[in-house]
Each structure stands twice: as C-alpha cells, then as structure tokens.
Protein backbone atom coordinates (compact mmCIF):
# COMPACT_ATOMS: atom_id res chain seq x y z
CA MET A 1 15.76 23.74 27.55
CA LEU A 2 13.00 24.74 25.13
CA ARG A 3 15.52 24.87 22.29
CA GLN A 4 16.69 21.31 23.10
CA VAL A 5 13.11 20.06 23.06
CA LYS A 6 12.51 21.68 19.66
CA VAL A 7 15.67 20.09 18.27
CA MET A 8 14.60 16.65 19.56
CA VAL A 9 11.16 17.04 17.99
CA MET A 10 12.70 18.01 14.64
CA VAL A 11 15.04 15.02 14.75
CA MET A 12 12.12 12.69 15.45
CA LEU A 13 10.09 14.17 12.61
CA LEU A 14 12.97 13.87 10.15
CA ALA A 15 13.57 10.30 11.22
CA GLY A 16 9.92 9.51 10.64
CA ILE A 17 10.00 11.09 7.19
CA MET A 18 13.16 9.22 6.20
CA SER A 19 11.87 5.90 7.47
CA GLY A 20 8.65 6.52 5.55
CA CYS A 21 10.67 6.72 2.33
CA ALA A 22 12.16 3.22 2.81
CA THR A 23 10.16 0.35 1.33
CA LEU A 24 11.45 -2.11 3.96
CA ASN A 25 12.71 -1.65 7.50
CA GLU A 26 15.64 -3.47 9.10
CA ASN A 27 13.63 -6.41 10.44
CA GLU A 28 11.85 -6.86 7.11
CA CYS A 29 15.19 -6.87 5.28
CA LEU A 30 16.80 -9.36 7.66
CA SER A 31 13.86 -11.78 7.43
CA ALA A 32 13.02 -11.06 3.79
CA ASP A 33 11.23 -13.66 1.68
CA TRP A 34 12.01 -12.16 -1.70
CA TYR A 35 9.47 -14.29 -3.54
CA GLN A 36 6.68 -13.03 -1.27
CA ILE A 37 7.93 -9.45 -1.49
CA GLY A 38 7.97 -9.71 -5.28
CA PHE A 39 4.50 -11.26 -5.26
CA SER A 40 3.17 -8.39 -3.15
CA ASP A 41 4.77 -5.86 -5.47
CA GLY A 42 3.33 -7.61 -8.51
CA VAL A 43 -0.18 -7.61 -7.05
CA LYS A 44 0.18 -3.84 -6.65
CA GLY A 45 1.42 -3.40 -10.23
CA GLU A 46 4.88 -2.16 -9.32
CA PRO A 47 7.44 -1.92 -12.17
CA GLU A 48 10.74 -3.80 -12.20
CA THR A 49 12.54 -0.62 -11.21
CA TYR A 50 10.79 -0.87 -7.83
CA LEU A 51 13.35 -3.46 -6.77
CA GLU A 52 15.95 -0.70 -6.66
CA LYS A 53 14.06 0.87 -3.76
CA HIS A 54 14.26 -2.43 -1.88
CA ARG A 55 17.97 -2.66 -2.68
CA LYS A 56 18.64 0.80 -1.27
CA ALA A 57 16.54 0.13 1.83
CA CYS A 58 18.22 -3.19 2.63
CA SER A 59 21.78 -2.26 1.67
CA LYS A 60 21.80 0.03 4.72
CA HIS A 61 21.44 -3.09 6.85
CA GLY A 62 23.93 -5.23 4.94
CA VAL A 63 21.24 -7.31 3.21
CA ARG A 64 21.32 -8.12 -0.51
CA THR A 65 18.19 -8.52 -2.59
CA ASP A 66 17.48 -11.78 -4.42
CA LEU A 67 16.64 -10.65 -7.95
CA SER A 68 15.60 -14.09 -9.22
CA GLU A 69 13.20 -14.81 -6.36
CA TRP A 70 11.75 -11.31 -6.47
CA LEU A 71 11.14 -11.46 -10.23
CA THR A 72 9.50 -14.89 -9.96
CA GLY A 73 7.22 -13.67 -7.18
CA ARG A 74 6.42 -10.46 -9.04
CA GLU A 75 5.41 -12.36 -12.18
CA ALA A 76 3.00 -14.44 -10.09
CA GLY A 77 1.60 -11.28 -8.54
CA LEU A 78 1.17 -9.62 -11.91
CA ARG A 79 -1.06 -12.46 -13.04
CA ARG A 80 -3.51 -11.34 -10.37
CA TYR A 81 -3.03 -7.68 -11.13
CA CYS A 82 -3.30 -7.80 -14.93
CA THR A 83 -7.05 -8.32 -15.26
CA ALA A 84 -9.74 -6.12 -16.73
CA GLU A 85 -11.48 -5.98 -13.37
CA LYS A 86 -8.35 -4.70 -11.65
CA GLY A 87 -7.70 -2.24 -14.46
CA TYR A 88 -11.17 -0.77 -14.01
CA GLU A 89 -10.64 -0.52 -10.26
CA GLU A 90 -7.27 1.20 -10.66
CA GLY A 91 -8.69 3.68 -13.18
CA LEU A 92 -11.66 4.42 -10.95
CA LEU A 93 -9.27 5.21 -8.09
CA ASN A 94 -7.04 7.25 -10.43
CA ASN A 95 -4.04 5.12 -9.42
CA LYS A 96 -0.98 5.35 -11.61
CA TYR A 97 -0.49 2.53 -14.10
CA HIS A 98 3.13 1.62 -14.82
CA GLY A 99 2.52 -0.31 -18.05
CA VAL A 100 3.40 -3.66 -16.48
CA CYS A 101 0.75 -5.77 -18.23
CA ALA A 102 1.58 -7.28 -21.64
CA GLY A 103 -0.28 -9.07 -24.41
CA ARG A 104 -4.03 -9.49 -24.46
CA GLU A 105 -4.24 -9.07 -20.69
CA GLY A 106 -2.42 -5.78 -21.04
CA ARG A 107 -4.80 -4.48 -23.69
CA GLU A 108 -7.85 -5.51 -21.68
CA PHE A 109 -6.37 -3.95 -18.55
CA GLN A 110 -5.72 -0.64 -20.32
CA GLN A 111 -9.18 -0.52 -21.88
CA ALA A 112 -10.84 -1.18 -18.54
CA TYR A 113 -8.49 1.28 -16.82
CA GLN A 114 -9.49 4.00 -19.29
CA ARG A 115 -13.19 3.36 -18.73
CA GLY A 116 -12.77 3.47 -14.97
CA ASN A 117 -10.68 6.61 -15.15
CA GLU A 118 -13.20 8.36 -17.39
CA LEU A 119 -15.83 7.80 -14.70
CA TYR A 120 -13.40 9.08 -12.07
CA GLN A 121 -12.72 12.24 -14.12
CA GLN A 122 -16.45 12.86 -14.62
CA ARG A 123 -17.08 12.57 -10.90
CA GLN A 124 -14.24 14.98 -10.27
CA LEU A 125 -15.72 17.41 -12.78
CA VAL A 126 -19.09 17.35 -11.02
CA ALA A 127 -17.44 17.86 -7.63
CA GLN A 128 -15.39 20.78 -8.96
CA ILE A 129 -18.40 22.55 -10.49
CA GLU A 130 -20.36 22.08 -7.26
CA SER A 131 -17.45 23.57 -5.33
CA ASP A 132 -17.28 26.53 -7.73
CA ILE A 133 -21.00 27.18 -7.30
CA LYS A 134 -20.66 27.15 -3.51
CA GLY A 135 -17.76 29.58 -3.77
CA ILE A 136 -19.78 31.99 -5.92
CA GLU A 137 -22.79 31.74 -3.60
CA GLN A 138 -20.57 32.58 -0.64
CA ASN A 139 -19.19 35.60 -2.52
CA MET A 140 -22.73 36.68 -3.36
CA ALA A 141 -23.70 36.42 0.30
CA ASP A 142 -20.69 38.56 1.22
CA LEU A 143 -21.72 41.16 -1.36
CA ASP A 144 -25.28 41.20 -0.03
CA HIS A 145 -23.91 41.80 3.45
CA GLU A 146 -21.70 44.61 2.19
CA TRP A 147 -24.63 46.11 0.28
CA GLU A 148 -26.73 46.28 3.45
CA ASN A 149 -23.86 47.85 5.40
CA LEU A 150 -23.31 50.47 2.70
CA ARG A 151 -26.99 51.40 2.64
CA ALA A 152 -26.96 51.71 6.41
CA ASP A 153 -23.89 53.95 6.25
CA LEU A 154 -25.62 56.24 3.75
CA LEU A 155 -28.27 57.05 6.37
CA ASN A 156 -25.63 58.81 8.44
CA ASP A 157 -26.44 62.56 8.30
CA ARG A 158 -22.88 63.46 9.27
CA LEU A 159 -21.37 62.17 6.02
CA SER A 160 -19.53 64.68 3.87
CA SER A 161 -20.48 64.94 0.22
CA ASN A 162 -17.23 63.22 -0.72
CA GLU A 163 -17.83 60.33 1.69
CA ARG A 164 -21.38 59.94 0.44
CA ARG A 165 -20.17 59.88 -3.17
CA GLN A 166 -17.60 57.18 -2.32
CA LEU A 167 -20.31 55.05 -0.71
CA VAL A 168 -22.57 55.45 -3.73
CA ASP A 169 -19.70 54.52 -6.06
CA ARG A 170 -19.00 51.44 -3.98
CA LEU A 171 -22.68 50.49 -4.10
CA ASP A 172 -22.50 50.60 -7.90
CA VAL A 173 -19.45 48.31 -7.87
CA VAL A 174 -21.12 45.87 -5.49
CA LYS A 175 -24.26 45.82 -7.62
CA ARG A 176 -22.26 45.19 -10.79
CA ASP A 177 -20.19 42.45 -9.18
CA ASN A 178 -23.32 40.76 -7.88
CA GLU A 179 -24.97 40.86 -11.32
CA ASN A 180 -21.86 39.29 -12.85
CA MET A 181 -21.87 36.53 -10.25
CA VAL A 182 -25.56 35.84 -10.83
CA GLY A 183 -24.75 35.25 -14.50
CA GLU A 184 -21.72 33.13 -13.68
CA ARG A 185 -23.69 31.07 -11.19
CA GLN A 186 -26.41 30.39 -13.77
CA PHE A 187 -23.79 29.34 -16.31
CA LEU A 188 -22.26 26.92 -13.79
CA ILE A 189 -25.65 25.50 -12.84
CA GLU A 190 -26.34 24.71 -16.50
CA LYS A 191 -22.86 23.20 -16.81
CA LEU A 192 -23.46 21.13 -13.68
CA ASN A 193 -26.78 19.81 -15.01
CA GLN A 194 -25.06 18.68 -18.21
CA ALA A 195 -22.26 17.05 -16.25
CA LEU A 196 -24.75 15.24 -14.00
CA VAL A 197 -26.67 13.91 -16.99
CA GLN A 198 -23.41 12.60 -18.46
CA LEU A 199 -22.35 11.14 -15.11
CA ASP A 200 -25.68 9.37 -14.69
CA TYR A 201 -25.38 7.87 -18.18
CA MET A 202 -21.81 6.73 -17.56
CA GLU A 203 -22.64 5.14 -14.21
CA GLN A 204 -25.58 3.25 -15.72
CA GLU A 205 -23.33 1.97 -18.49
CA HIS A 206 -20.63 0.98 -16.03
CA ARG A 207 -23.11 -0.87 -13.82
CA ARG A 208 -24.39 -2.73 -16.86
CA LYS A 209 -20.94 -3.69 -18.16
CA ARG A 210 -19.29 -3.86 -14.71
CA TYR A 211 -15.87 -3.03 -16.15
C-alpha cells in the first residue's frame, strides 16, 4: 500500500513538472488568440524562436499556431518592451536579454540595460562580501570556542605527556588559524567599504539619470 502511494506521488510530481514546461495548457491552446499571445510574448521580450514552444505545447492537443497573428502581436508588444526604461529595469533585475530590439530603440535599450545590470552586479558584490565576512566571523567564533575547550582540557591532571603535547599543538594551530582569519576579515572589511562607496555613487547617479 505504501509503495502504491509513493508511486502515485511520483506520478503527480512528474506530471506537474511536465506541465510546468509547457507554455500553454489545453484550454489555452483551444481558445488561443494568437495576436494576444504574441503581444504578451513581445512585452516580455521573447525571441521569435519562442513560438516553437507554443507549437509543441498546442500540437499535443491538435491545435496549430497562427504564425502571422502571433508575429503581428509580438511586434506590437515589442514596441512597449524596447524602451530605455524597460532596458534599465531588465538589467537591474538581471533578466536575460534576447537581442530583440533593433535600430535606435535597440541601442538605447542595450545602453540602459548595461547601466541597470552594472548596478545589479555591484549590489551582488556588496552582498557577497558581507556574506563572506559573516562566514569568517562564524569561523572565528568557532575557533574561540575550541580554544576555550582546549585550555580547559589542559587543566586535566590525568593527561599523559603525549596527550598534553597534542593539545598544545592544536592550540598553536587554532591560534594561527584565528590570526589568519583576523587578517582576512580586515581585508574584506576594507574591500566592502570600497564597494559600498562605489555602490553609493552608482545609486546616486542612477537616481539622477533615472535610466
């Protein structure tokens, strides 16, 4: 009985995963307005090759895509997508750009996308350094705890000379590791301060220029 339940759960999970891969479900394919679908795809900056995903999804239900309507709708959607403001937003979110914008609008989109993405990358850098510092501080706290335990163990009068020597050797290692981490932490703090100064400058510039 338990085995049957596990099999049913696995089937349901696989079905969910497979349905999640399809761009359109059966009802959406049967009632498809290909102009509106294309418009929605254009607003999201999807490439022409995205239609193939719709074709595969709907062919399973005996529905053919309307290339002409979809392309017309997508072109209308792209006119909303291909703006400098949208490019900045997409770059700031680190969304993938498929190179769908042409001409002057395309150049302005790419320039704004790059500026937005540079700010995104700088924020990521700051977050990563902060995470690294927290990791080192946790390791330092663990070493401090070990140091205290080792010192307490050394007070045991029943230790053999060999055991005492091993504890002393370990104390030396802990001390050396802690000193190295102190230096690494200081280096990261200086790096973080530089990154924060750069981030503050970039955010001021981006607020002034908007995008």
